[in-house]
């Protein structure tokens, strides 16, 4: 090999070594399984980031609570144990009511309303995360929430004393107001919770009902569209600042695309879920007038309680949303 060829090979190897050394890997926990549309969207987001950065930033996704349990995820990002994560925003309701604006029953129960609420809520969420050393990237709503039961229900009397699956403090409060027994069960644990008798009914979206094959353990789905909680994807601020300008721009563009795509995916699942659940033998309805009226009364009480706990920012958020 000539001297010049040796020099060329050495230079190439050197460049490859520098490139490998400068590559960054982010670890990303999400509490949801691979089959959930949120997880599919997150994987597309990671692919977009890797492509736009030519592999200089890789995001490793750990789905189904495999790295951290849902309640541990926010702290894991805040303390730098991981760089990025996904979680249900309303799970932080007890920390700050602003995070739970989308968990108030019947405040926003359609996609246009949910979009308006997010526009009013977003800046406040960003501000709160920033104070804790984190940065919001994007958020995507679940389809409207409904009830899954083994027996038919026509009023809340039918749910009194029933072990009712909930997933955060807001849904637990609703279950208590209904006279049910609230039982926190994460999404990945739903089938087991029903099969072992931990719960006999639940509140969740049509998307989760499809993914968990709800027809195997329940017979009725009440498509109430009671509220549309959002998952948020957020990063550790120090990890964000370690990226190059080009990498940050790539992540931001991928996040914007993921938010647009995620809302479209959510609506698509919402439009098809009731039909698919019915096709698998479930009895699907919008609920009786009495049931819906009773739930709206509970929603009004929860809305008043939420506004009281959210203070001036809560009042400002509601004013912006309604106007």
C-alpha atoms as a PDB file:
ATOM      1  CA  UNK A   1       0.000   0.000   0.000  1.00  0.00           C
ATOM      2  CA  UNK A   2       1.394   3.377  -0.945  1.00  0.00           C
ATOM      3  CA  UNK A   3       2.002   6.071   1.620  1.00  0.00           C
ATOM      4  CA  UNK A   4      -0.872   8.181   0.278  1.00  0.00           C
ATOM      5  CA  UNK A   5      -3.318   5.266   0.428  1.00  0.00           C
ATOM      6  CA  UNK A   6      -2.236   4.524   3.997  1.00  0.00           C
ATOM      7  CA  UNK A   7      -2.789   8.167   4.873  1.00  0.00           C
ATOM      8  CA  UNK A   8      -6.265   8.118   3.287  1.00  0.00           C
ATOM      9  CA  UNK A   9      -7.269   4.976   5.211  1.00  0.00           C
ATOM     10  CA  UNK A  10      -5.950   6.408   8.461  1.00  0.00           C
ATOM     11  CA  UNK A  11      -7.880   9.625   7.886  1.00  0.00           C
ATOM     12  CA  UNK A  12     -11.111   7.711   7.171  1.00  0.00           C
ATOM     13  CA  UNK A  13     -10.756   5.580  10.302  1.00  0.00           C
ATOM     14  CA  UNK A  14     -10.030   8.698  12.304  1.00  0.00           C
ATOM     15  CA  UNK A  15     -13.155  10.435  11.025  1.00  0.00           C
ATOM     16  CA  UNK A  16     -15.244   7.363  11.793  1.00  0.00           C
ATOM     17  CA  UNK A  17     -13.887   7.278  15.336  1.00  0.00           C
ATOM     18  CA  UNK A  18     -14.673  10.947  15.877  1.00  0.00           C
ATOM     19  CA  UNK A  19     -18.190  10.444  14.487  1.00  0.00           C
ATOM     20  CA  UNK A  20     -18.829   7.461  16.761  1.00  0.00           C
ATOM     21  CA  UNK A  21     -17.476   9.334  19.753  1.00  0.00           C
ATOM     22  CA  UNK A  22     -19.681  12.366  19.101  1.00  0.00           C
ATOM     23  CA  UNK A  23     -22.906  10.354  18.680  1.00  0.00           C
ATOM     24  CA  UNK A  24     -25.476  10.832  21.455  1.00  0.00           C
ATOM     25  CA  UNK A  25     -27.991   8.315  22.759  1.00  0.00           C
ATOM     26  CA  UNK A  26     -31.093   9.242  24.715  1.00  0.00           C
ATOM     27  CA  UNK A  27     -33.054   6.702  26.740  1.00  0.00           C
ATOM     28  CA  UNK A  28     -36.838   7.128  26.565  1.00  0.00           C
ATOM     29  CA  UNK A  29     -39.291   5.270  28.836  1.00  0.00           C
ATOM     30  CA  UNK A  30     -42.993   5.145  28.013  1.00  0.00           C
ATOM     31  CA  UNK A  31     -45.615   3.336  30.108  1.00  0.00           C
ATOM     32  CA  UNK A  32     -47.567   2.070  27.110  1.00  0.00           C
ATOM     33  CA  UNK A  33     -47.072  -1.183  25.141  1.00  0.00           C
ATOM     34  CA  UNK A  34     -45.901  -1.447  21.553  1.00  0.00           C
ATOM     35  CA  UNK A  35     -49.421  -1.933  20.154  1.00  0.00           C
ATOM     36  CA  UNK A  36     -50.683   1.434  21.467  1.00  0.00           C
ATOM     37  CA  UNK A  37     -50.877   4.194  18.872  1.00  0.00           C
ATOM     38  CA  UNK A  38     -48.976   6.569  21.166  1.00  0.00           C
ATOM     39  CA  UNK A  39     -46.007   4.199  21.207  1.00  0.00           C
ATOM     40  CA  UNK A  40     -46.141   3.799  17.436  1.00  0.00           C
ATOM     41  CA  UNK A  41     -46.065   7.576  17.096  1.00  0.00           C
ATOM     42  CA  UNK A  42     -43.120   7.856  19.485  1.00  0.00           C
ATOM     43  CA  UNK A  43     -41.171   5.314  17.421  1.00  0.00           C
ATOM     44  CA  UNK A  44     -41.830   7.331  14.266  1.00  0.00           C
ATOM     45  CA  UNK A  45     -40.628  10.430  16.128  1.00  0.00           C
ATOM     46  CA  UNK A  46     -37.388   8.638  17.074  1.00  0.00           C
ATOM     47  CA  UNK A  47     -36.905   7.507  13.477  1.00  0.00           C
ATOM     48  CA  UNK A  48     -37.376  11.069  12.249  1.00  0.00           C
ATOM     49  CA  UNK A  49     -34.778  12.341  14.730  1.00  0.00           C
ATOM     50  CA  UNK A  50     -32.218   9.693  13.749  1.00  0.00           C
ATOM     51  CA  UNK A  51     -32.724  10.434  10.052  1.00  0.00           C
ATOM     52  CA  UNK A  52     -32.599  14.221  10.414  1.00  0.00           C
ATOM     53  CA  UNK A  53     -29.401  14.074  12.503  1.00  0.00           C
ATOM     54  CA  UNK A  54     -27.707  11.442  10.329  1.00  0.00           C
ATOM     55  CA  UNK A  55     -27.528   9.191  13.381  1.00  0.00           C
ATOM     56  CA  UNK A  56     -25.776  11.680  15.653  1.00  0.00           C
ATOM     57  CA  UNK A  57     -28.758  11.452  18.026  1.00  0.00           C
ATOM     58  CA  UNK A  58     -30.423   8.117  18.727  1.00  0.00           C
ATOM     59  CA  UNK A  59     -33.478   7.667  20.961  1.00  0.00           C
ATOM     60  CA  UNK A  60     -33.856   4.226  22.562  1.00  0.00           C
ATOM     61  CA  UNK A  61     -37.496   3.602  23.466  1.00  0.00           C
ATOM     62  CA  UNK A  62     -38.364   1.402  26.458  1.00  0.00           C
ATOM     63  CA  UNK A  63     -42.089   0.640  26.212  1.00  0.00           C
ATOM     64  CA  UNK A  64     -44.566  -0.961  28.605  1.00  0.00           C
ATOM     65  CA  UNK A  65     -42.996   0.337  31.846  1.00  0.00           C
ATOM     66  CA  UNK A  66     -39.941  -1.820  31.138  1.00  0.00           C
ATOM     67  CA  UNK A  67     -37.483   0.827  32.381  1.00  0.00           C
ATOM     68  CA  UNK A  68     -39.538   2.868  34.859  1.00  0.00           C
ATOM     69  CA  UNK A  69     -43.054   2.522  36.224  1.00  0.00           C
ATOM     70  CA  UNK A  70     -45.446   5.277  35.164  1.00  0.00           C
ATOM     71  CA  UNK A  71     -45.360   7.166  38.506  1.00  0.00           C
ATOM     72  CA  UNK A  72     -41.528   7.193  38.397  1.00  0.00           C
ATOM     73  CA  UNK A  73     -41.093   8.605  34.903  1.00  0.00           C
ATOM     74  CA  UNK A  74     -41.285  12.335  35.586  1.00  0.00           C
ATOM     75  CA  UNK A  75     -38.683  12.179  38.347  1.00  0.00           C
ATOM     76  CA  UNK A  76     -36.422  10.039  36.144  1.00  0.00           C
ATOM     77  CA  UNK A  77     -36.329  12.835  33.553  1.00  0.00           C
ATOM     78  CA  UNK A  78     -36.035  15.606  36.117  1.00  0.00           C
ATOM     79  CA  UNK A  79     -33.042  13.977  37.832  1.00  0.00           C
ATOM     80  CA  UNK A  80     -31.321  13.060  34.570  1.00  0.00           C
ATOM     81  CA  UNK A  81     -31.650   9.294  34.930  1.00  0.00           C
ATOM     82  CA  UNK A  82     -33.121   9.416  31.426  1.00  0.00           C
ATOM     83  CA  UNK A  83     -33.070  12.224  28.903  1.00  0.00           C
ATOM     84  CA  UNK A  84     -36.591  12.039  27.458  1.00  0.00           C
ATOM     85  CA  UNK A  85     -39.895  10.337  28.285  1.00  0.00           C
ATOM     86  CA  UNK A  86     -43.625  10.065  27.671  1.00  0.00           C
ATOM     87  CA  UNK A  87     -46.300  10.107  30.343  1.00  0.00           C
ATOM     88  CA  UNK A  88     -49.922  11.048  30.963  1.00  0.00           C
ATOM     89  CA  UNK A  89     -49.855  14.755  31.782  1.00  0.00           C
ATOM     90  CA  UNK A  90     -52.832  14.627  34.143  1.00  0.00           C
ATOM     91  CA  UNK A  91     -50.923  12.258  36.417  1.00  0.00           C
ATOM     92  CA  UNK A  92     -49.242  15.407  37.741  1.00  0.00           C
ATOM     93  CA  UNK A  93     -52.592  16.907  38.795  1.00  0.00           C
ATOM     94  CA  UNK A  94     -51.794  16.660  42.520  1.00  0.00           C
ATOM     95  CA  UNK A  95     -48.518  18.489  41.934  1.00  0.00           C
ATOM     96  CA  UNK A  96     -50.142  21.326  39.985  1.00  0.00           C
ATOM     97  CA  UNK A  97     -53.748  21.541  38.806  1.00  0.00           C
ATOM     98  CA  UNK A  98     -52.718  23.061  35.457  1.00  0.00           C
ATOM     99  CA  UNK A  99     -51.379  19.667  34.372  1.00  0.00           C
ATOM    100  CA  UNK A 100     -54.851  18.192  34.873  1.00  0.00           C
ATOM    101  CA  UNK A 101     -57.020  20.656  32.955  1.00  0.00           C
ATOM    102  CA  UNK A 102     -57.762  17.973  30.365  1.00  0.00           C
ATOM    103  CA  UNK A 103     -58.941  15.542  33.065  1.00  0.00           C
ATOM    104  CA  UNK A 104     -61.999  17.614  34.002  1.00  0.00           C
ATOM    105  CA  UNK A 105     -65.059  15.648  32.802  1.00  0.00           C
ATOM    106  CA  UNK A 106     -66.976  17.274  29.954  1.00  0.00           C
ATOM    107  CA  UNK A 107     -64.783  20.392  29.848  1.00  0.00           C
ATOM    108  CA  UNK A 108     -63.440  19.360  26.426  1.00  0.00           C
ATOM    109  CA  UNK A 109     -65.027  16.290  24.866  1.00  0.00           C
ATOM    110  CA  UNK A 110     -64.323  16.690  21.146  1.00  0.00           C
ATOM    111  CA  UNK A 111     -61.158  17.154  19.116  1.00  0.00           C
ATOM    112  CA  UNK A 112     -61.833  20.831  18.292  1.00  0.00           C
ATOM    113  CA  UNK A 113     -62.483  21.515  21.989  1.00  0.00           C
ATOM    114  CA  UNK A 114     -59.403  19.527  23.026  1.00  0.00           C
ATOM    115  CA  UNK A 115     -57.283  21.546  20.590  1.00  0.00           C
ATOM    116  CA  UNK A 116     -58.598  24.828  21.985  1.00  0.00           C
ATOM    117  CA  UNK A 117     -57.913  23.638  25.533  1.00  0.00           C
ATOM    118  CA  UNK A 118     -54.346  22.663  24.636  1.00  0.00           C
ATOM    119  CA  UNK A 119     -53.685  26.084  23.121  1.00  0.00           C
ATOM    120  CA  UNK A 120     -54.782  27.663  26.401  1.00  0.00           C
ATOM    121  CA  UNK A 121     -52.904  25.140  28.547  1.00  0.00           C
ATOM    122  CA  UNK A 122     -49.633  24.679  26.677  1.00  0.00           C
ATOM    123  CA  UNK A 123     -47.740  27.792  27.721  1.00  0.00           C
ATOM    124  CA  UNK A 124     -48.530  27.174  31.383  1.00  0.00           C
ATOM    125  CA  UNK A 125     -47.348  23.569  31.148  1.00  0.00           C
ATOM    126  CA  UNK A 126     -44.126  24.693  29.448  1.00  0.00           C
ATOM    127  CA  UNK A 127     -43.528  27.270  32.168  1.00  0.00           C
ATOM    128  CA  UNK A 128     -43.974  24.718  34.968  1.00  0.00           C
ATOM    129  CA  UNK A 129     -41.709  22.147  33.388  1.00  0.00           C
ATOM    130  CA  UNK A 130     -39.049  24.772  32.713  1.00  0.00           C
ATOM    131  CA  UNK A 131     -38.939  25.711  36.401  1.00  0.00           C
ATOM    132  CA  UNK A 132     -38.153  22.076  37.163  1.00  0.00           C
ATOM    133  CA  UNK A 133     -35.395  21.715  34.593  1.00  0.00           C
ATOM    134  CA  UNK A 134     -37.454  20.126  31.828  1.00  0.00           C
ATOM    135  CA  UNK A 135     -38.724  21.079  28.381  1.00  0.00           C
ATOM    136  CA  UNK A 136     -41.992  20.117  26.695  1.00  0.00           C
ATOM    137  CA  UNK A 137     -41.696  18.774  23.146  1.00  0.00           C
ATOM    138  CA  UNK A 138     -45.264  17.834  22.231  1.00  0.00           C
ATOM    139  CA  UNK A 139     -48.535  16.346  23.469  1.00  0.00           C
ATOM    140  CA  UNK A 140     -51.140  14.050  21.919  1.00  0.00           C
ATOM    141  CA  UNK A 141     -54.648  13.316  23.266  1.00  0.00           C
ATOM    142  CA  UNK A 142     -56.265   9.989  23.898  1.00  0.00           C
ATOM    143  CA  UNK A 143     -59.683   9.447  22.305  1.00  0.00           C
ATOM    144  CA  UNK A 144     -62.632  10.373  24.525  1.00  0.00           C
ATOM    145  CA  UNK A 145     -62.957   8.372  27.732  1.00  0.00           C
ATOM    146  CA  UNK A 146     -65.783   5.899  28.309  1.00  0.00           C
ATOM    147  CA  UNK A 147     -66.877   3.126  30.660  1.00  0.00           C
ATOM    148  CA  UNK A 148     -66.338  -0.619  30.242  1.00  0.00           C
ATOM    149  CA  UNK A 149     -68.530  -2.875  32.365  1.00  0.00           C
ATOM    150  CA  UNK A 150     -69.435  -6.519  32.687  1.00  0.00           C
ATOM    151  CA  UNK A 151     -73.102  -5.742  33.369  1.00  0.00           C
ATOM    152  CA  UNK A 152     -75.343  -3.088  31.755  1.00  0.00           C
ATOM    153  CA  UNK A 153     -75.668   0.248  33.554  1.00  0.00           C
ATOM    154  CA  UNK A 154     -78.435   2.803  33.235  1.00  0.00           C
ATOM    155  CA  UNK A 155     -77.492   5.079  36.141  1.00  0.00           C
ATOM    156  CA  UNK A 156     -74.713   5.559  38.660  1.00  0.00           C
ATOM    157  CA  UNK A 157     -76.647   3.364  41.097  1.00  0.00           C
ATOM    158  CA  UNK A 158     -75.433   0.427  39.025  1.00  0.00           C
ATOM    159  CA  UNK A 159     -71.822   1.335  39.801  1.00  0.00           C
ATOM    160  CA  UNK A 160     -72.110   1.771  43.552  1.00  0.00           C
ATOM    161  CA  UNK A 161     -69.641  -0.462  45.348  1.00  0.00           C
ATOM    162  CA  UNK A 162     -68.144  -1.714  42.062  1.00  0.00           C
ATOM    163  CA  UNK A 163     -64.343  -2.065  41.947  1.00  0.00           C
ATOM    164  CA  UNK A 164     -63.579   0.552  39.314  1.00  0.00           C
ATOM    165  CA  UNK A 165     -60.266   0.824  37.455  1.00  0.00           C
ATOM    166  CA  UNK A 166     -58.837   4.338  37.544  1.00  0.00           C
ATOM    167  CA  UNK A 167     -55.454   5.656  36.408  1.00  0.00           C
ATOM    168  CA  UNK A 168     -54.784   8.876  38.333  1.00  0.00           C
ATOM    169  CA  UNK A 169     -56.137  11.094  41.101  1.00  0.00           C
ATOM    170  CA  UNK A 170     -58.752  12.741  38.849  1.00  0.00           C
ATOM    171  CA  UNK A 171     -60.335   9.438  37.803  1.00  0.00           C
ATOM    172  CA  UNK A 172     -60.099   8.205  41.396  1.00  0.00           C
ATOM    173  CA  UNK A 173     -62.029  11.290  42.568  1.00  0.00           C
ATOM    174  CA  UNK A 174     -64.680  10.664  39.934  1.00  0.00           C
ATOM    175  CA  UNK A 175     -65.047   7.031  41.024  1.00  0.00           C
ATOM    176  CA  UNK A 176     -65.485   8.114  44.645  1.00  0.00           C
ATOM    177  CA  UNK A 177     -68.144  10.634  43.648  1.00  0.00           C
ATOM    178  CA  UNK A 178     -69.917   7.857  41.721  1.00  0.00           C
ATOM    179  CA  UNK A 179     -69.915   5.632  44.805  1.00  0.00           C
ATOM    180  CA  UNK A 180     -67.538   3.126  43.216  1.00  0.00           C
ATOM    181  CA  UNK A 181     -64.343   1.734  44.714  1.00  0.00           C
ATOM    182  CA  UNK A 182     -61.407   3.369  42.874  1.00  0.00           C
ATOM    183  CA  UNK A 183     -58.497   1.071  42.075  1.00  0.00           C
ATOM    184  CA  UNK A 184     -55.416   2.397  40.302  1.00  0.00           C
ATOM    185  CA  UNK A 185     -54.385   0.045  37.485  1.00  0.00           C
ATOM    186  CA  UNK A 186     -51.865   0.941  34.779  1.00  0.00           C
ATOM    187  CA  UNK A 187     -52.789   0.339  31.136  1.00  0.00           C
ATOM    188  CA  UNK A 188     -50.441  -2.617  30.692  1.00  0.00           C
ATOM    189  CA  UNK A 189     -52.051  -4.378  33.677  1.00  0.00           C
ATOM    190  CA  UNK A 190     -55.726  -4.103  32.664  1.00  0.00           C
ATOM    191  CA  UNK A 191     -56.430  -7.663  31.417  1.00  0.00           C
ATOM    192  CA  UNK A 192     -54.787  -9.211  34.468  1.00  0.00           C
ATOM    193  CA  UNK A 193     -56.672  -6.869  36.816  1.00  0.00           C
ATOM    194  CA  UNK A 194     -60.008  -7.996  35.372  1.00  0.00           C
ATOM    195  CA  UNK A 195     -59.105 -11.688  35.243  1.00  0.00           C
ATOM    196  CA  UNK A 196     -57.992 -11.711  38.887  1.00  0.00           C
ATOM    197  CA  UNK A 197     -61.017  -9.754  40.140  1.00  0.00           C
ATOM    198  CA  UNK A 198     -59.043  -6.665  41.120  1.00  0.00           C
ATOM    199  CA  UNK A 199     -61.519  -4.574  39.110  1.00  0.00           C
ATOM    200  CA  UNK A 200     -64.946  -5.193  37.531  1.00  0.00           C
ATOM    201  CA  UNK A 201     -65.289  -2.001  35.483  1.00  0.00           C
ATOM    202  CA  UNK A 202     -63.046   0.722  34.131  1.00  0.00           C
ATOM    203  CA  UNK A 203     -62.791   4.104  32.502  1.00  0.00           C
ATOM    204  CA  UNK A 204     -60.492   4.441  29.503  1.00  0.00           C
ATOM    205  CA  UNK A 205     -60.502   5.177  25.795  1.00  0.00           C
ATOM    206  CA  UNK A 206     -61.706   3.095  22.898  1.00  0.00           C
ATOM    207  CA  UNK A 207     -58.045   2.800  21.855  1.00  0.00           C
ATOM    208  CA  UNK A 208     -57.074   1.065  25.090  1.00  0.00           C
ATOM    209  CA  UNK A 209     -60.194  -1.083  24.925  1.00  0.00           C
ATOM    210  CA  UNK A 210     -59.126  -2.338  21.503  1.00  0.00           C
ATOM    211  CA  UNK A 211     -55.513  -2.866  22.480  1.00  0.00           C
ATOM    212  CA  UNK A 212     -56.449  -4.846  25.629  1.00  0.00           C
ATOM    213  CA  UNK A 213     -59.201  -6.830  23.819  1.00  0.00           C
ATOM    214  CA  UNK A 214     -61.794  -5.599  26.281  1.00  0.00           C
ATOM    215  CA  UNK A 215     -64.380  -8.044  24.911  1.00  0.00           C
ATOM    216  CA  UNK A 216     -62.464 -10.828  26.684  1.00  0.00           C
ATOM    217  CA  UNK A 217     -63.331  -9.439  30.113  1.00  0.00           C
ATOM    218  CA  UNK A 218     -66.253  -6.990  29.673  1.00  0.00           C
ATOM    219  CA  UNK A 219     -69.444  -6.841  27.650  1.00  0.00           C
ATOM    220  CA  UNK A 220     -70.468  -3.178  27.514  1.00  0.00           C
ATOM    221  CA  UNK A 221     -68.742  -0.018  26.303  1.00  0.00           C
ATOM    222  CA  UNK A 222     -70.354   3.345  27.041  1.00  0.00           C
ATOM    223  CA  UNK A 223     -68.815   5.772  24.552  1.00  0.00           C
ATOM    224  CA  UNK A 224     -69.172   8.920  26.650  1.00  0.00           C
ATOM    225  CA  UNK A 225     -66.346  11.111  25.273  1.00  0.00           C
ATOM    226  CA  UNK A 226     -66.212  12.480  28.773  1.00  0.00           C
ATOM    227  CA  UNK A 227     -62.717  13.982  28.482  1.00  0.00           C
ATOM    228  CA  UNK A 228     -59.579  13.643  26.384  1.00  0.00           C
ATOM    229  CA  UNK A 229     -56.411  13.448  28.498  1.00  0.00           C
ATOM    230  CA  UNK A 230     -53.062  13.998  26.801  1.00  0.00           C
ATOM    231  CA  UNK A 231     -49.719  12.246  26.869  1.00  0.00           C
ATOM    232  CA  UNK A 232     -46.767  14.608  26.922  1.00  0.00           C
ATOM    233  CA  UNK A 233     -43.252  14.012  25.628  1.00  0.00           C
ATOM    234  CA  UNK A 234     -40.630  16.039  27.471  1.00  0.00           C
ATOM    235  CA  UNK A 235     -36.858  16.222  27.922  1.00  0.00           C
ATOM    236  CA  UNK A 236     -34.289  17.015  30.564  1.00  0.00           C
ATOM    237  CA  UNK A 237     -33.119  20.594  29.952  1.00  0.00           C
ATOM    238  CA  UNK A 238     -29.439  19.838  30.564  1.00  0.00           C
ATOM    239  CA  UNK A 239     -29.558  17.003  28.034  1.00  0.00           C
ATOM    240  CA  UNK A 240     -31.270  19.372  25.598  1.00  0.00           C
ATOM    241  CA  UNK A 241     -28.527  21.998  25.961  1.00  0.00           C
ATOM    242  CA  UNK A 242     -25.809  19.431  25.282  1.00  0.00           C
ATOM    243  CA  UNK A 243     -27.173  18.953  21.761  1.00  0.00           C
ATOM    244  CA  UNK A 244     -25.834  20.966  18.863  1.00  0.00           C
ATOM    245  CA  UNK A 245     -27.996  23.684  17.325  1.00  0.00           C
ATOM    246  CA  UNK A 246     -28.651  21.435  14.339  1.00  0.00           C
ATOM    247  CA  UNK A 247     -29.700  18.538  16.563  1.00  0.00           C
ATOM    248  CA  UNK A 248     -32.058  20.708  18.600  1.00  0.00           C
ATOM    249  CA  UNK A 249     -33.644  21.991  15.399  1.00  0.00           C
ATOM    250  CA  UNK A 250     -34.056  18.417  14.156  1.00  0.00           C
ATOM    251  CA  UNK A 251     -35.712  17.299  17.403  1.00  0.00           C
ATOM    252  CA  UNK A 252     -38.032  20.308  17.402  1.00  0.00           C
ATOM    253  CA  UNK A 253     -39.150  19.681  13.819  1.00  0.00           C
ATOM    254  CA  UNK A 254     -39.658  15.981  14.526  1.00  0.00           C
ATOM    255  CA  UNK A 255     -41.709  16.898  17.614  1.00  0.00           C
ATOM    256  CA  UNK A 256     -43.939  19.242  15.617  1.00  0.00           C
ATOM    257  CA  UNK A 257     -44.510  16.501  13.055  1.00  0.00           C
ATOM    258  CA  UNK A 258     -45.211  13.954  15.794  1.00  0.00           C
ATOM    259  CA  UNK A 259     -47.805  16.207  17.427  1.00  0.00           C
ATOM    260  CA  UNK A 260     -49.642  16.743  14.128  1.00  0.00           C
ATOM    261  CA  UNK A 261     -49.430  13.051  13.247  1.00  0.00           C
ATOM    262  CA  UNK A 262     -50.404  11.951  16.769  1.00  0.00           C
ATOM    263  CA  UNK A 263     -53.597  14.019  16.824  1.00  0.00           C
ATOM    264  CA  UNK A 264     -54.560  12.544  13.450  1.00  0.00           C
ATOM    265  CA  UNK A 265     -53.796   9.014  14.700  1.00  0.00           C
ATOM    266  CA  UNK A 266     -55.874   9.617  17.827  1.00  0.00           C
ATOM    267  CA  UNK A 267     -58.867  10.783  15.807  1.00  0.00           C
ATOM    268  CA  UNK A 268     -58.551   7.831  13.442  1.00  0.00           C
ATOM    269  CA  UNK A 269     -58.572   5.404  16.363  1.00  0.00           C
ATOM    270  CA  UNK A 270     -61.495   7.265  17.928  1.00  0.00           C
ATOM    271  CA  UNK A 271     -63.526   7.051  14.745  1.00  0.00           C
ATOM    272  CA  UNK A 272     -62.995   3.310  14.360  1.00  0.00           C
ATOM    273  CA  UNK A 273     -62.822   1.991  17.922  1.00  0.00           C
ATOM    274  CA  UNK A 274     -66.550   1.822  18.713  1.00  0.00           C
ATOM    275  CA  UNK A 275     -67.205  -0.028  15.455  1.00  0.00           C
ATOM    276  CA  UNK A 276     -64.376  -2.478  16.094  1.00  0.00           C
ATOM    277  CA  UNK A 277     -65.443  -3.090  19.687  1.00  0.00           C
ATOM    278  CA  UNK A 278     -68.986  -3.797  18.505  1.00  0.00           C
ATOM    279  CA  UNK A 279     -67.600  -6.062  15.807  1.00  0.00           C
ATOM    280  CA  UNK A 280     -65.971  -8.139  18.527  1.00  0.00           C
ATOM    281  CA  UNK A 281     -69.280  -8.640  20.313  1.00  0.00           C
ATOM    282  CA  UNK A 282     -69.389  -5.718  22.733  1.00  0.00           C
ATOM    283  CA  UNK A 283     -72.613  -3.771  23.205  1.00  0.00           C
ATOM    284  CA  UNK A 284     -71.746  -0.141  22.474  1.00  0.00           C
ATOM    285  CA  UNK A 285     -73.886   2.871  23.369  1.00  0.00           C
ATOM    286  CA  UNK A 286     -73.585   6.537  24.306  1.00  0.00           C
ATOM    287  CA  UNK A 287     -75.181   5.861  27.704  1.00  0.00           C
ATOM    288  CA  UNK A 288     -78.649   6.615  28.984  1.00  0.00           C
ATOM    289  CA  UNK A 289     -79.824  10.185  29.476  1.00  0.00           C
ATOM    290  CA  UNK A 290     -79.907   9.570  33.227  1.00  0.00           C
ATOM    291  CA  UNK A 291     -76.330   8.271  33.322  1.00  0.00           C
ATOM    292  CA  UNK A 292     -74.972  11.137  31.236  1.00  0.00           C
ATOM    293  CA  UNK A 293     -76.875  13.711  33.289  1.00  0.00           C
ATOM    294  CA  UNK A 294     -75.501  12.293  36.546  1.00  0.00           C
ATOM    295  CA  UNK A 295     -71.967  12.252  35.171  1.00  0.00           C
ATOM    296  CA  UNK A 296     -72.260  15.861  34.024  1.00  0.00           C
ATOM    297  CA  UNK A 297     -73.288  16.830  37.563  1.00  0.00           C
ATOM    298  CA  UNK A 298     -70.141  15.143  38.853  1.00  0.00           C
ATOM    299  CA  UNK A 299     -68.168  16.873  36.101  1.00  0.00           C
ATOM    300  CA  UNK A 300     -69.492  20.272  37.196  1.00  0.00           C
ATOM    301  CA  UNK A 301     -68.407  19.598  40.783  1.00  0.00           C
ATOM    302  CA  UNK A 302     -64.972  18.426  39.657  1.00  0.00           C
ATOM    303  CA  UNK A 303     -64.623  21.494  37.421  1.00  0.00           C
ATOM    304  CA  UNK A 304     -65.398  23.795  40.363  1.00  0.00           C
ATOM    305  CA  UNK A 305     -62.918  21.938  42.573  1.00  0.00           C
ATOM    306  CA  UNK A 306     -60.293  22.102  39.821  1.00  0.00           C
ATOM    307  CA  UNK A 307     -60.745  25.862  39.331  1.00  0.00           C
ATOM    308  CA  UNK A 308     -60.446  26.424  43.076  1.00  0.00           C
ATOM    309  CA  UNK A 309     -57.202  24.441  43.274  1.00  0.00           C
ATOM    310  CA  UNK A 310     -55.772  25.986  40.081  1.00  0.00           C
ATOM    311  CA  UNK A 311     -56.182  29.545  41.366  1.00  0.00           C
ATOM    312  CA  UNK A 312     -55.591  32.582  39.171  1.00  0.00           C
ATOM    313  CA  UNK A 313     -53.822  30.602  36.439  1.00  0.00           C
ATOM    314  CA  UNK A 314     -56.731  28.183  36.299  1.00  0.00           C
ATOM    315  CA  UNK A 315     -59.204  31.020  35.872  1.00  0.00           C
ATOM    316  CA  UNK A 316     -57.006  32.533  33.156  1.00  0.00           C
ATOM    317  CA  UNK A 317     -56.766  29.175  31.372  1.00  0.00           C
ATOM    318  CA  UNK A 318     -60.549  28.662  31.392  1.00  0.00           C
ATOM    319  CA  UNK A 319     -61.126  32.237  30.170  1.00  0.00           C
ATOM    320  CA  UNK A 320     -58.686  31.742  27.276  1.00  0.00           C
ATOM    321  CA  UNK A 321     -60.254  28.379  26.434  1.00  0.00           C
ATOM    322  CA  UNK A 322     -63.825  29.674  26.406  1.00  0.00           C
ATOM    323  CA  UNK A 323     -62.944  32.802  24.445  1.00  0.00           C
END
